[in-house]
C-alpha cells in the first residue's frame, strides 16, 4: 500500500518535530522552507544580536536528542536543530528557498481530494505539487512589526527595529531608548547596557525581571519551582 504524502510548510522547530513524528508513522514527508536555513527564528537571517533562549536546560529540547544547555544562544540552538534534522533524516526532505504562494483543496471534507500547493523557487520558477495532508508550521515572528509613533518624523536620530540589530557595533556609544518589555527588548537592553553610551527601557506597564542566575548561581525557575 502506497504511503500517504504530507506537505509541511516551515522548517523551524515545529515543522521539524512534526516531520519526524509523521515520518516514523510511515508518511511520505516533504518540507517547504522559504529561507536558506532551518531553524525559524534561530538562524542567521532572522536572529538579532544576543538572541538567547529564555529556557533553562532540559526544557527546550526534543525527547530523542538530548541538549541540556542553559539559556542557549541562537547559534547553538541553530546547530542543535541542524543536528536534529540530520539525526532524524529530515534534511534531505527539505526544499530550501522555496516559498509557498498558493494552497488549494476543492473539497475540504473529502480526504480523497489532494491538497494542491504552488511554490516559487529561488530562481523565480513555479512548481505545483499534490499532497494528501498539509501541516502549517509557519513562523509568527519572521516579519517584524514596526508601529507608527506620533511625531516620529521629527525625531533626528535613528529608528530601527530590534530585528535589524545584527551586531553590537551598531549601538556602540549610542544613546539608546528601547520601547517594549518583551523578550527582544530585554535581550537588546542587555546588549545596549554593555556597549551603548546610555540605555533606557520604556514599558507600558511594570514588569518583574530577574537575572539569569541568582543566589550564587541558582537558576530562578529551579529555585522557585522546586522544593
N, C-alpha and C. Protein backbone atom coordinates (compact mmCIF):
# COMPACT_ATOMS: atom_id res chain seq x y z
N UNK A 1 0.84 -1.20 0.00
CA UNK A 1 0.00 0.00 0.00
C UNK A 1 0.88 1.24 0.00
N UNK A 2 0.60 2.17 -0.90
CA UNK A 2 1.40 3.38 -1.01
C UNK A 2 1.14 4.29 0.19
N UNK A 3 2.24 4.83 0.76
CA UNK A 3 2.09 5.68 1.93
C UNK A 3 1.48 7.03 1.55
N UNK A 4 0.76 7.62 2.48
CA UNK A 4 0.16 8.93 2.27
C UNK A 4 1.25 10.01 2.30
N UNK A 5 1.04 11.05 1.51
CA UNK A 5 2.02 12.14 1.44
C UNK A 5 1.57 13.32 2.30
N UNK A 6 2.56 13.99 2.89
CA UNK A 6 2.29 15.14 3.75
C UNK A 6 3.22 16.28 3.36
N UNK A 7 2.66 17.47 3.18
CA UNK A 7 3.46 18.68 2.99
C UNK A 7 3.52 19.43 4.31
N UNK A 8 4.72 19.84 4.69
CA UNK A 8 4.90 20.66 5.89
C UNK A 8 5.49 21.99 5.46
N UNK A 9 4.84 23.07 5.83
CA UNK A 9 5.32 24.40 5.46
C UNK A 9 6.05 24.99 6.66
N UNK A 10 7.36 25.11 6.53
CA UNK A 10 8.18 25.64 7.60
C UNK A 10 9.14 24.61 8.17
N UNK A 11 10.42 24.97 8.24
CA UNK A 11 11.44 24.06 8.78
C UNK A 11 12.03 24.60 10.07
N UNK A 12 11.17 25.21 10.89
CA UNK A 12 11.57 25.58 12.24
C UNK A 12 11.40 24.40 13.17
N UNK A 13 11.43 24.66 14.46
CA UNK A 13 11.35 23.55 15.42
C UNK A 13 10.03 22.80 15.30
N UNK A 14 8.91 23.50 15.10
CA UNK A 14 7.61 22.83 15.00
C UNK A 14 7.52 21.97 13.74
N UNK A 15 8.00 22.52 12.63
CA UNK A 15 7.97 21.76 11.38
C UNK A 15 8.84 20.52 11.44
N UNK A 16 10.00 20.64 12.08
CA UNK A 16 10.92 19.50 12.15
C UNK A 16 10.37 18.38 13.01
N UNK A 17 9.82 18.72 14.17
CA UNK A 17 9.32 17.66 15.04
C UNK A 17 8.06 17.02 14.45
N UNK A 18 7.24 17.81 13.76
CA UNK A 18 6.07 17.24 13.07
C UNK A 18 6.52 16.28 11.98
N UNK A 19 7.55 16.67 11.23
CA UNK A 19 8.07 15.81 10.17
C UNK A 19 8.62 14.51 10.73
N UNK A 20 9.33 14.59 11.84
CA UNK A 20 9.91 13.39 12.45
C UNK A 20 8.82 12.41 12.88
N UNK A 21 7.79 12.91 13.55
CA UNK A 21 6.70 12.04 14.02
C UNK A 21 5.97 11.41 12.83
N UNK A 22 5.67 12.21 11.82
CA UNK A 22 4.94 11.69 10.65
C UNK A 22 5.78 10.68 9.87
N UNK A 23 7.07 10.95 9.78
CA UNK A 23 7.96 10.02 9.07
C UNK A 23 8.00 8.67 9.79
N UNK A 24 8.08 8.70 11.11
CA UNK A 24 8.08 7.46 11.89
C UNK A 24 6.77 6.69 11.74
N UNK A 25 5.69 7.43 11.49
CA UNK A 25 4.37 6.80 11.33
C UNK A 25 4.13 6.32 9.90
N UNK A 26 5.14 6.45 9.04
CA UNK A 26 5.04 5.88 7.70
C UNK A 26 4.58 6.82 6.61
N UNK A 27 4.48 8.11 6.90
CA UNK A 27 4.07 9.07 5.87
C UNK A 27 5.26 9.49 5.02
N UNK A 28 4.98 9.87 3.80
CA UNK A 28 5.98 10.41 2.89
C UNK A 28 5.98 11.93 3.05
N UNK A 29 7.03 12.46 3.66
CA UNK A 29 7.04 13.85 4.11
C UNK A 29 7.91 14.73 3.20
N UNK A 30 7.39 15.91 2.87
CA UNK A 30 8.15 16.95 2.17
C UNK A 30 8.00 18.25 2.95
N UNK A 31 9.13 18.92 3.20
CA UNK A 31 9.11 20.18 3.96
C UNK A 31 9.50 21.33 3.03
N UNK A 32 8.69 22.37 3.01
CA UNK A 32 8.98 23.57 2.23
C UNK A 32 9.46 24.67 3.17
N UNK A 33 10.64 25.20 2.87
CA UNK A 33 11.23 26.26 3.70
C UNK A 33 11.64 27.42 2.78
N UNK A 34 11.08 28.59 3.02
CA UNK A 34 11.37 29.71 2.13
C UNK A 34 12.77 30.31 2.34
N UNK A 35 13.35 30.07 3.51
CA UNK A 35 14.68 30.60 3.79
C UNK A 35 15.80 29.68 3.33
N UNK A 36 17.02 30.10 3.65
CA UNK A 36 18.20 29.32 3.26
C UNK A 36 18.56 28.27 4.30
N UNK A 37 18.01 28.42 5.51
CA UNK A 37 18.41 27.55 6.62
C UNK A 37 17.19 27.04 7.37
N UNK A 38 17.39 25.97 8.11
CA UNK A 38 16.37 25.52 9.04
C UNK A 38 16.45 26.36 10.31
N UNK A 39 15.43 26.23 11.15
CA UNK A 39 15.54 26.84 12.48
C UNK A 39 14.56 27.95 12.78
N UNK A 40 13.82 28.45 11.80
CA UNK A 40 12.90 29.55 12.08
C UNK A 40 13.64 30.78 12.57
N UNK A 41 13.29 31.29 13.76
CA UNK A 41 13.96 32.48 14.29
C UNK A 41 15.40 32.18 14.69
N UNK A 42 15.73 30.90 14.85
CA UNK A 42 17.07 30.53 15.31
C UNK A 42 18.00 30.30 14.13
N UNK A 43 18.12 31.30 13.27
CA UNK A 43 19.08 31.22 12.15
C UNK A 43 19.57 32.63 11.84
N UNK A 44 20.68 32.72 11.14
CA UNK A 44 21.36 33.99 10.96
C UNK A 44 20.56 35.01 10.16
N UNK A 45 19.64 34.57 9.31
CA UNK A 45 18.87 35.51 8.51
C UNK A 45 17.82 36.25 9.34
N UNK A 46 17.45 35.72 10.48
CA UNK A 46 16.38 36.31 11.29
C UNK A 46 16.86 36.75 12.66
N UNK A 47 17.77 36.02 13.27
CA UNK A 47 18.19 36.30 14.64
C UNK A 47 18.83 37.67 14.78
N UNK A 48 18.52 38.36 15.87
CA UNK A 48 19.19 39.62 16.19
C UNK A 48 20.35 39.33 17.13
N UNK A 49 21.19 40.32 17.34
CA UNK A 49 22.35 40.14 18.20
C UNK A 49 21.90 39.78 19.62
N UNK A 50 22.62 38.87 20.24
CA UNK A 50 22.39 38.48 21.64
C UNK A 50 21.07 37.73 21.84
N UNK A 51 20.50 37.17 20.78
CA UNK A 51 19.29 36.36 20.94
C UNK A 51 19.65 35.05 21.65
N UNK A 52 19.01 34.81 22.76
CA UNK A 52 19.17 33.58 23.53
C UNK A 52 17.80 32.99 23.84
N UNK A 53 17.78 31.72 24.15
CA UNK A 53 16.54 31.15 24.68
C UNK A 53 16.38 31.62 26.12
N UNK A 54 15.15 31.66 26.59
CA UNK A 54 14.91 32.02 27.98
C UNK A 54 14.61 30.80 28.83
N UNK A 55 14.95 29.63 28.29
CA UNK A 55 14.64 28.37 28.97
C UNK A 55 15.88 27.79 29.65
N UNK A 56 15.68 27.19 30.80
CA UNK A 56 16.79 26.50 31.44
C UNK A 56 16.94 25.10 30.86
N UNK A 57 18.08 24.48 31.11
CA UNK A 57 18.43 23.21 30.48
C UNK A 57 17.40 22.12 30.68
N UNK A 58 17.14 21.37 29.61
CA UNK A 58 16.21 20.26 29.66
C UNK A 58 14.79 20.62 29.31
N UNK A 59 14.49 21.90 29.14
CA UNK A 59 13.11 22.31 28.82
C UNK A 59 12.96 22.79 27.38
N UNK A 60 14.04 22.85 26.64
CA UNK A 60 13.96 23.28 25.25
C UNK A 60 14.77 22.32 24.39
N UNK A 61 14.29 21.08 24.34
CA UNK A 61 14.95 20.05 23.56
C UNK A 61 13.92 19.00 23.17
N UNK A 62 14.25 18.22 22.16
CA UNK A 62 13.38 17.13 21.74
C UNK A 62 13.70 15.88 22.56
N UNK A 63 12.70 15.04 22.76
CA UNK A 63 12.87 13.88 23.63
C UNK A 63 13.87 12.86 23.08
N UNK A 64 14.12 12.90 21.77
CA UNK A 64 15.03 11.91 21.19
C UNK A 64 16.40 12.48 20.82
N UNK A 65 16.73 13.68 21.32
CA UNK A 65 18.07 14.22 21.13
C UNK A 65 18.37 15.17 22.28
N UNK A 66 19.22 14.72 23.20
CA UNK A 66 19.48 15.47 24.42
C UNK A 66 20.30 16.73 24.14
N UNK A 67 19.95 17.80 24.86
CA UNK A 67 20.77 19.00 24.87
C UNK A 67 20.41 19.77 26.14
N UNK A 68 21.32 19.83 27.07
CA UNK A 68 20.99 20.42 28.37
C UNK A 68 21.53 21.81 28.59
N UNK A 69 21.86 22.54 27.52
CA UNK A 69 22.47 23.86 27.69
C UNK A 69 21.48 24.85 28.30
N UNK A 70 21.98 25.63 29.26
CA UNK A 70 21.15 26.66 29.88
C UNK A 70 21.17 27.93 29.04
N UNK A 71 20.00 28.50 28.76
CA UNK A 71 19.90 29.78 28.06
C UNK A 71 20.79 29.82 26.82
N UNK A 72 20.57 28.90 25.94
CA UNK A 72 21.44 28.73 24.78
C UNK A 72 21.34 29.92 23.83
N UNK A 73 22.46 30.24 23.18
CA UNK A 73 22.47 31.29 22.15
C UNK A 73 21.77 30.79 20.90
N UNK A 74 21.39 31.73 20.03
CA UNK A 74 20.71 31.32 18.80
C UNK A 74 21.62 30.45 17.95
N UNK A 75 22.93 30.73 17.97
CA UNK A 75 23.86 29.92 17.18
C UNK A 75 23.84 28.46 17.64
N UNK A 76 23.86 28.26 18.96
CA UNK A 76 23.85 26.89 19.48
C UNK A 76 22.51 26.19 19.25
N UNK A 77 21.43 26.94 19.34
CA UNK A 77 20.12 26.35 19.06
C UNK A 77 19.98 26.00 17.58
N UNK A 78 20.53 26.84 16.72
CA UNK A 78 20.52 26.53 15.29
C UNK A 78 21.30 25.25 15.01
N UNK A 79 22.48 25.13 15.64
CA UNK A 79 23.28 23.92 15.46
C UNK A 79 22.54 22.69 15.99
N UNK A 80 21.83 22.85 17.10
CA UNK A 80 21.06 21.74 17.67
C UNK A 80 19.96 21.30 16.70
N UNK A 81 19.24 22.25 16.11
CA UNK A 81 18.18 21.91 15.17
C UNK A 81 18.75 21.26 13.91
N UNK A 82 19.93 21.68 13.48
CA UNK A 82 20.58 21.03 12.34
C UNK A 82 20.93 19.59 12.68
N UNK A 83 21.47 19.38 13.88
CA UNK A 83 21.80 18.01 14.30
C UNK A 83 20.54 17.15 14.39
N UNK A 84 19.47 17.74 14.87
CA UNK A 84 18.21 17.00 14.97
C UNK A 84 17.70 16.61 13.58
N UNK A 85 17.76 17.55 12.64
CA UNK A 85 17.30 17.25 11.27
C UNK A 85 18.14 16.15 10.64
N UNK A 86 19.45 16.19 10.86
CA UNK A 86 20.32 15.13 10.32
C UNK A 86 20.08 13.81 11.04
N UNK A 87 19.95 13.87 12.35
CA UNK A 87 19.74 12.67 13.17
C UNK A 87 18.46 11.93 12.77
N UNK A 88 17.44 12.69 12.41
CA UNK A 88 16.13 12.10 12.07
C UNK A 88 15.92 11.95 10.57
N UNK A 89 16.97 12.20 9.79
CA UNK A 89 16.92 12.05 8.33
C UNK A 89 15.86 12.96 7.70
N UNK A 90 15.83 14.19 8.19
CA UNK A 90 14.87 15.17 7.68
C UNK A 90 15.49 16.13 6.66
N UNK A 91 16.79 16.35 6.76
CA UNK A 91 17.43 17.37 5.93
C UNK A 91 17.21 17.12 4.45
N UNK A 92 17.30 15.85 4.05
CA UNK A 92 17.14 15.54 2.63
C UNK A 92 15.71 15.70 2.14
N UNK A 93 14.79 15.93 3.06
CA UNK A 93 13.38 16.11 2.69
C UNK A 93 12.96 17.58 2.64
N UNK A 94 13.92 18.47 2.90
CA UNK A 94 13.60 19.91 2.94
C UNK A 94 13.92 20.55 1.59
N UNK A 95 12.97 21.32 1.08
CA UNK A 95 13.18 22.12 -0.13
C UNK A 95 13.41 23.56 0.32
N UNK A 96 14.69 23.96 0.35
CA UNK A 96 15.05 25.29 0.81
C UNK A 96 14.77 26.34 -0.27
N UNK A 97 14.67 27.59 0.19
CA UNK A 97 14.42 28.73 -0.70
C UNK A 97 13.24 28.45 -1.64
N UNK A 98 12.22 27.86 -1.06
CA UNK A 98 11.01 27.51 -1.81
C UNK A 98 9.81 28.07 -1.04
N UNK A 99 9.20 29.07 -1.62
CA UNK A 99 8.11 29.79 -0.94
C UNK A 99 6.76 29.30 -1.44
N UNK A 100 5.90 28.92 -0.52
CA UNK A 100 4.54 28.50 -0.87
C UNK A 100 3.71 29.75 -1.15
N UNK A 101 3.16 29.84 -2.35
CA UNK A 101 2.41 31.04 -2.73
C UNK A 101 0.91 30.78 -2.92
N UNK A 102 0.53 29.51 -2.98
CA UNK A 102 -0.90 29.23 -3.15
C UNK A 102 -1.21 27.81 -2.67
N UNK A 103 -2.32 27.69 -1.95
CA UNK A 103 -2.79 26.39 -1.47
C UNK A 103 -4.27 26.24 -1.84
N UNK A 104 -4.61 25.11 -2.45
CA UNK A 104 -6.00 24.87 -2.84
C UNK A 104 -6.42 23.45 -2.50
N UNK A 105 -7.67 23.30 -2.16
CA UNK A 105 -8.29 21.98 -2.00
C UNK A 105 -9.76 22.14 -2.36
N UNK A 106 -10.21 21.43 -3.37
CA UNK A 106 -11.54 21.66 -3.92
C UNK A 106 -12.65 21.32 -2.94
N UNK A 107 -12.42 20.32 -2.10
CA UNK A 107 -13.42 19.94 -1.11
C UNK A 107 -12.71 19.59 0.19
N UNK A 108 -12.83 20.45 1.18
CA UNK A 108 -12.10 20.25 2.43
C UNK A 108 -12.57 19.02 3.20
N UNK A 109 -13.78 18.57 2.94
CA UNK A 109 -14.33 17.43 3.69
C UNK A 109 -14.00 16.09 3.05
N UNK A 110 -13.48 16.10 1.84
CA UNK A 110 -13.19 14.86 1.12
C UNK A 110 -11.70 14.56 1.18
N UNK A 111 -11.30 13.54 1.96
CA UNK A 111 -9.89 13.21 2.11
C UNK A 111 -9.28 12.64 0.84
N UNK A 112 -10.10 12.21 -0.09
CA UNK A 112 -9.59 11.64 -1.33
C UNK A 112 -9.16 12.71 -2.33
N UNK A 113 -9.56 13.95 -2.09
CA UNK A 113 -9.15 15.05 -2.96
C UNK A 113 -7.87 15.66 -2.39
N UNK A 114 -6.79 15.73 -3.16
CA UNK A 114 -5.50 16.18 -2.63
C UNK A 114 -5.42 17.69 -2.43
N UNK A 115 -4.49 18.08 -1.60
CA UNK A 115 -4.12 19.49 -1.48
C UNK A 115 -3.21 19.83 -2.66
N UNK A 116 -3.50 20.94 -3.31
CA UNK A 116 -2.66 21.43 -4.41
C UNK A 116 -1.84 22.61 -3.90
N UNK A 117 -0.54 22.49 -4.02
CA UNK A 117 0.36 23.51 -3.48
C UNK A 117 1.24 24.06 -4.60
N UNK A 118 1.19 25.37 -4.74
CA UNK A 118 2.01 26.06 -5.74
C UNK A 118 3.15 26.77 -5.02
N UNK A 119 4.37 26.55 -5.50
CA UNK A 119 5.54 27.15 -4.85
C UNK A 119 6.34 27.97 -5.85
N UNK A 120 7.10 28.89 -5.29
CA UNK A 120 8.03 29.69 -6.09
C UNK A 120 9.44 29.42 -5.60
N UNK A 121 10.32 28.97 -6.48
CA UNK A 121 11.69 28.66 -6.12
C UNK A 121 12.54 29.92 -6.16
N UNK A 122 13.77 29.82 -5.65
CA UNK A 122 14.63 31.00 -5.53
C UNK A 122 14.94 31.64 -6.87
N UNK A 123 14.85 30.86 -7.97
CA UNK A 123 15.13 31.41 -9.29
C UNK A 123 13.88 31.97 -9.97
N UNK A 124 12.76 32.02 -9.24
CA UNK A 124 11.53 32.57 -9.78
C UNK A 124 10.63 31.57 -10.47
N UNK A 125 11.10 30.34 -10.63
CA UNK A 125 10.30 29.32 -11.29
C UNK A 125 9.18 28.82 -10.36
N UNK A 126 8.03 28.51 -10.97
CA UNK A 126 6.90 28.00 -10.20
C UNK A 126 6.75 26.50 -10.42
N UNK A 127 6.34 25.80 -9.36
CA UNK A 127 6.08 24.37 -9.45
C UNK A 127 4.80 24.04 -8.71
N UNK A 128 4.13 22.96 -9.14
CA UNK A 128 2.90 22.51 -8.50
C UNK A 128 3.12 21.13 -7.88
N UNK A 129 2.55 20.92 -6.69
CA UNK A 129 2.63 19.64 -6.01
C UNK A 129 1.24 19.24 -5.51
N UNK A 130 1.05 17.95 -5.29
CA UNK A 130 -0.17 17.45 -4.69
C UNK A 130 0.17 16.57 -3.49
N UNK A 131 -0.58 16.76 -2.40
CA UNK A 131 -0.35 16.00 -1.17
C UNK A 131 -1.68 15.56 -0.57
N UNK A 132 -1.61 14.49 0.19
CA UNK A 132 -2.81 14.01 0.88
C UNK A 132 -3.14 14.86 2.11
N UNK A 133 -2.08 15.32 2.79
CA UNK A 133 -2.29 16.10 4.01
C UNK A 133 -1.36 17.31 4.02
N UNK A 134 -1.72 18.29 4.85
CA UNK A 134 -0.96 19.53 4.93
C UNK A 134 -0.77 19.92 6.39
N UNK A 135 0.46 20.31 6.75
CA UNK A 135 0.77 20.81 8.09
C UNK A 135 1.34 22.22 7.95
N UNK A 136 0.72 23.18 8.63
CA UNK A 136 1.24 24.55 8.64
C UNK A 136 2.12 24.73 9.88
N UNK A 137 3.40 24.98 9.65
CA UNK A 137 4.34 25.21 10.76
C UNK A 137 5.08 26.51 10.49
N UNK A 138 4.32 27.51 10.07
CA UNK A 138 4.90 28.80 9.72
C UNK A 138 5.20 29.61 10.97
N UNK A 139 6.03 30.62 10.81
CA UNK A 139 6.57 31.38 11.94
C UNK A 139 5.83 32.70 12.10
N UNK A 140 5.41 33.00 13.32
CA UNK A 140 4.74 34.27 13.59
C UNK A 140 5.72 35.44 13.67
N UNK A 141 7.01 35.16 13.82
CA UNK A 141 7.96 36.22 14.13
C UNK A 141 8.98 36.48 13.02
N UNK A 142 8.70 35.98 11.82
CA UNK A 142 9.64 36.19 10.72
C UNK A 142 9.66 37.64 10.26
N UNK A 143 8.48 38.25 10.18
CA UNK A 143 8.37 39.63 9.71
C UNK A 143 8.20 40.56 10.91
N UNK A 144 9.10 41.53 11.09
CA UNK A 144 8.98 42.44 12.24
C UNK A 144 7.82 43.41 12.07
N UNK A 145 7.17 43.76 13.17
CA UNK A 145 6.11 44.76 13.16
C UNK A 145 6.69 46.08 13.64
N UNK A 146 6.58 47.12 12.81
CA UNK A 146 7.13 48.43 13.13
C UNK A 146 5.97 49.40 13.35
N UNK A 147 5.61 49.69 14.58
CA UNK A 147 4.48 50.59 14.83
C UNK A 147 4.82 52.03 14.50
N UNK A 148 3.79 52.80 14.19
CA UNK A 148 3.98 54.24 13.98
C UNK A 148 3.80 54.94 15.32
N UNK A 149 4.73 55.82 15.65
CA UNK A 149 4.65 56.60 16.88
C UNK A 149 4.47 58.06 16.49
N UNK A 150 3.44 58.68 17.00
CA UNK A 150 3.12 60.05 16.62
C UNK A 150 4.32 60.98 16.84
N UNK A 151 4.67 61.70 15.82
CA UNK A 151 5.77 62.65 15.90
C UNK A 151 7.12 62.06 15.54
N UNK A 152 7.16 60.79 15.14
CA UNK A 152 8.46 60.16 14.88
C UNK A 152 9.20 60.79 13.71
N UNK A 153 8.45 61.43 12.79
CA UNK A 153 9.11 62.06 11.65
C UNK A 153 9.95 63.26 12.07
N UNK A 154 9.73 63.79 13.27
CA UNK A 154 10.51 64.92 13.76
C UNK A 154 11.77 64.47 14.51
N UNK A 155 11.85 63.18 14.77
CA UNK A 155 13.00 62.65 15.51
C UNK A 155 14.22 62.63 14.60
N UNK A 156 15.33 63.17 15.06
CA UNK A 156 16.52 63.30 14.22
C UNK A 156 17.48 62.13 14.36
N UNK A 157 17.19 61.22 15.27
CA UNK A 157 18.05 60.05 15.42
C UNK A 157 17.61 58.91 14.51
N UNK A 158 18.09 57.73 14.80
CA UNK A 158 17.77 56.54 14.01
C UNK A 158 16.69 55.72 14.72
N UNK A 159 15.65 55.36 13.96
CA UNK A 159 14.61 54.47 14.47
C UNK A 159 14.79 53.12 13.78
N UNK A 160 14.98 52.09 14.55
CA UNK A 160 15.28 50.78 13.98
C UNK A 160 14.59 49.69 14.80
N UNK A 161 14.11 48.68 14.13
CA UNK A 161 13.50 47.55 14.83
C UNK A 161 14.61 46.63 15.36
N UNK A 162 14.35 46.01 16.49
CA UNK A 162 15.34 45.10 17.08
C UNK A 162 15.76 43.99 16.15
N UNK A 163 14.85 43.58 15.27
CA UNK A 163 15.13 42.55 14.26
C UNK A 163 16.37 42.89 13.44
N UNK A 164 16.60 44.19 13.24
CA UNK A 164 17.69 44.64 12.36
C UNK A 164 18.99 44.95 13.11
N UNK A 165 19.02 44.69 14.40
CA UNK A 165 20.27 44.85 15.15
C UNK A 165 21.03 43.52 15.09
N UNK A 166 22.00 43.45 14.21
CA UNK A 166 22.72 42.20 13.98
C UNK A 166 24.10 42.17 14.64
N UNK A 167 24.57 43.32 15.13
CA UNK A 167 25.89 43.38 15.74
C UNK A 167 25.90 44.43 16.84
N UNK A 168 26.66 44.17 17.90
CA UNK A 168 26.75 45.16 18.98
C UNK A 168 27.41 46.45 18.50
N UNK A 169 28.14 46.39 17.39
CA UNK A 169 28.79 47.59 16.86
C UNK A 169 27.77 48.65 16.44
N UNK A 170 26.54 48.24 16.17
CA UNK A 170 25.50 49.20 15.77
C UNK A 170 25.07 50.10 16.92
N UNK A 171 25.37 49.72 18.16
CA UNK A 171 24.91 50.53 19.31
C UNK A 171 26.06 51.13 20.11
N UNK A 172 27.29 50.90 19.68
CA UNK A 172 28.43 51.43 20.43
C UNK A 172 28.35 52.96 20.52
N UNK A 173 28.45 53.47 21.74
CA UNK A 173 28.46 54.91 22.03
C UNK A 173 27.18 55.62 21.61
N UNK A 174 26.08 54.88 21.47
CA UNK A 174 24.79 55.48 21.13
C UNK A 174 23.97 55.69 22.41
N UNK A 175 23.06 56.64 22.36
CA UNK A 175 22.08 56.82 23.43
C UNK A 175 20.82 56.08 23.00
N UNK A 176 20.58 54.94 23.60
CA UNK A 176 19.52 54.05 23.14
C UNK A 176 18.28 54.13 24.02
N UNK A 177 17.13 54.16 23.37
CA UNK A 177 15.84 54.03 24.04
C UNK A 177 15.13 52.83 23.43
N UNK A 178 14.79 51.87 24.25
CA UNK A 178 14.13 50.65 23.77
C UNK A 178 12.68 50.67 24.23
N UNK A 179 11.76 50.57 23.28
CA UNK A 179 10.34 50.62 23.58
C UNK A 179 9.79 49.20 23.61
N UNK A 180 9.26 48.81 24.76
CA UNK A 180 8.71 47.46 24.89
C UNK A 180 9.39 46.70 26.01
N UNK A 181 8.70 45.67 26.48
CA UNK A 181 9.26 44.86 27.56
C UNK A 181 9.24 43.39 27.27
N UNK A 182 9.16 43.04 25.98
CA UNK A 182 9.17 41.64 25.60
C UNK A 182 10.57 41.07 25.56
N UNK A 183 10.67 39.85 25.05
CA UNK A 183 11.96 39.17 25.04
C UNK A 183 13.00 39.91 24.23
N UNK A 184 12.63 40.34 23.02
CA UNK A 184 13.57 41.06 22.16
C UNK A 184 14.07 42.32 22.85
N UNK A 185 13.16 43.07 23.49
CA UNK A 185 13.54 44.30 24.16
C UNK A 185 14.54 44.05 25.28
N UNK A 186 14.30 43.02 26.06
CA UNK A 186 15.19 42.73 27.19
C UNK A 186 16.55 42.23 26.70
N UNK A 187 16.56 41.40 25.67
CA UNK A 187 17.83 40.95 25.10
C UNK A 187 18.66 42.14 24.62
N UNK A 188 18.00 43.06 23.91
CA UNK A 188 18.72 44.20 23.35
C UNK A 188 19.11 45.20 24.44
N UNK A 189 18.32 45.29 25.50
CA UNK A 189 18.70 46.15 26.62
C UNK A 189 19.99 45.66 27.25
N UNK A 190 20.15 44.34 27.32
CA UNK A 190 21.40 43.77 27.85
C UNK A 190 22.58 44.16 26.98
N UNK A 191 22.38 44.11 25.66
CA UNK A 191 23.45 44.49 24.73
C UNK A 191 23.76 45.97 24.85
N UNK A 192 22.72 46.81 24.86
CA UNK A 192 22.94 48.25 24.95
C UNK A 192 23.55 48.64 26.29
N UNK A 193 23.19 47.90 27.34
CA UNK A 193 23.78 48.18 28.64
C UNK A 193 25.28 47.99 28.65
N UNK A 194 25.77 47.11 27.82
CA UNK A 194 27.21 46.84 27.74
C UNK A 194 27.94 47.77 26.78
N UNK A 195 27.28 48.16 25.68
CA UNK A 195 28.01 48.83 24.60
C UNK A 195 27.53 50.26 24.31
N UNK A 196 26.30 50.59 24.63
CA UNK A 196 25.81 51.93 24.31
C UNK A 196 26.26 52.95 25.36
N UNK A 197 26.21 54.23 24.99
CA UNK A 197 26.56 55.27 25.95
C UNK A 197 25.55 55.30 27.10
N UNK A 198 24.28 55.14 26.76
CA UNK A 198 23.22 55.07 27.77
C UNK A 198 22.10 54.21 27.23
N UNK A 199 21.26 53.69 28.11
CA UNK A 199 20.16 52.82 27.68
C UNK A 199 18.96 53.02 28.59
N UNK A 200 17.81 53.31 27.99
CA UNK A 200 16.56 53.44 28.74
C UNK A 200 15.54 52.47 28.15
N UNK A 201 14.84 51.77 29.02
CA UNK A 201 13.82 50.81 28.61
C UNK A 201 12.45 51.40 28.98
N UNK A 202 11.61 51.62 27.96
CA UNK A 202 10.29 52.24 28.16
C UNK A 202 9.23 51.15 28.11
N UNK A 203 8.48 51.00 29.21
CA UNK A 203 7.48 49.93 29.32
C UNK A 203 6.09 50.52 29.48
N UNK A 204 5.11 49.85 28.91
CA UNK A 204 3.72 50.27 29.08
C UNK A 204 3.23 50.01 30.50
N UNK A 205 3.66 48.90 31.07
CA UNK A 205 3.26 48.55 32.44
C UNK A 205 4.47 47.94 33.16
N UNK A 206 4.37 47.89 34.48
CA UNK A 206 5.50 47.39 35.27
C UNK A 206 5.76 45.91 35.00
N UNK A 207 7.03 45.54 35.00
CA UNK A 207 7.43 44.15 34.80
C UNK A 207 8.31 43.70 35.96
N UNK A 208 8.17 42.42 36.30
CA UNK A 208 9.11 41.81 37.22
C UNK A 208 10.20 41.13 36.40
N UNK A 209 11.43 41.53 36.61
CA UNK A 209 12.54 40.97 35.85
C UNK A 209 13.58 40.39 36.80
N UNK A 210 14.09 39.23 36.43
CA UNK A 210 15.10 38.56 37.24
C UNK A 210 16.33 38.30 36.39
N UNK A 211 17.50 38.30 37.00
CA UNK A 211 18.70 37.90 36.25
C UNK A 211 18.65 36.41 35.92
N UNK A 212 19.51 35.98 35.03
CA UNK A 212 19.50 34.56 34.65
C UNK A 212 19.88 33.66 35.82
N UNK A 213 20.72 34.16 36.71
CA UNK A 213 21.12 33.36 37.87
C UNK A 213 21.05 34.22 39.12
N UNK A 214 20.65 33.60 40.22
CA UNK A 214 20.52 34.31 41.49
C UNK A 214 21.16 33.47 42.59
N UNK A 215 21.35 34.08 43.73
CA UNK A 215 21.78 33.37 44.95
C UNK A 215 22.96 32.45 44.71
N UNK A 216 24.02 33.02 44.13
CA UNK A 216 25.23 32.24 43.94
C UNK A 216 25.20 31.26 42.80
N UNK A 217 24.42 31.54 41.77
CA UNK A 217 24.44 30.70 40.58
C UNK A 217 23.22 29.84 40.37
N UNK A 218 22.19 29.97 41.22
CA UNK A 218 20.96 29.20 41.03
C UNK A 218 20.12 29.79 39.91
N UNK A 219 19.45 28.92 39.16
CA UNK A 219 18.52 29.38 38.13
C UNK A 219 17.19 29.73 38.79
N UNK A 220 16.63 30.92 38.53
CA UNK A 220 15.38 31.34 39.19
C UNK A 220 14.26 30.32 39.07
N UNK A 221 14.07 29.75 37.88
CA UNK A 221 12.97 28.81 37.69
C UNK A 221 13.15 27.57 38.58
N UNK A 222 14.37 27.08 38.67
CA UNK A 222 14.61 25.90 39.52
C UNK A 222 14.44 26.26 41.00
N UNK A 223 14.80 27.48 41.34
CA UNK A 223 14.72 27.91 42.74
C UNK A 223 13.26 28.05 43.18
N UNK A 224 12.42 28.64 42.33
CA UNK A 224 11.04 28.93 42.73
C UNK A 224 10.08 27.77 42.46
N UNK A 225 10.44 26.86 41.56
CA UNK A 225 9.51 25.81 41.17
C UNK A 225 9.86 24.44 41.74
N UNK A 226 10.85 24.39 42.62
CA UNK A 226 11.19 23.12 43.28
C UNK A 226 11.21 23.34 44.78
N UNK A 227 11.13 22.25 45.51
CA UNK A 227 11.11 22.36 46.97
C UNK A 227 12.51 22.59 47.52
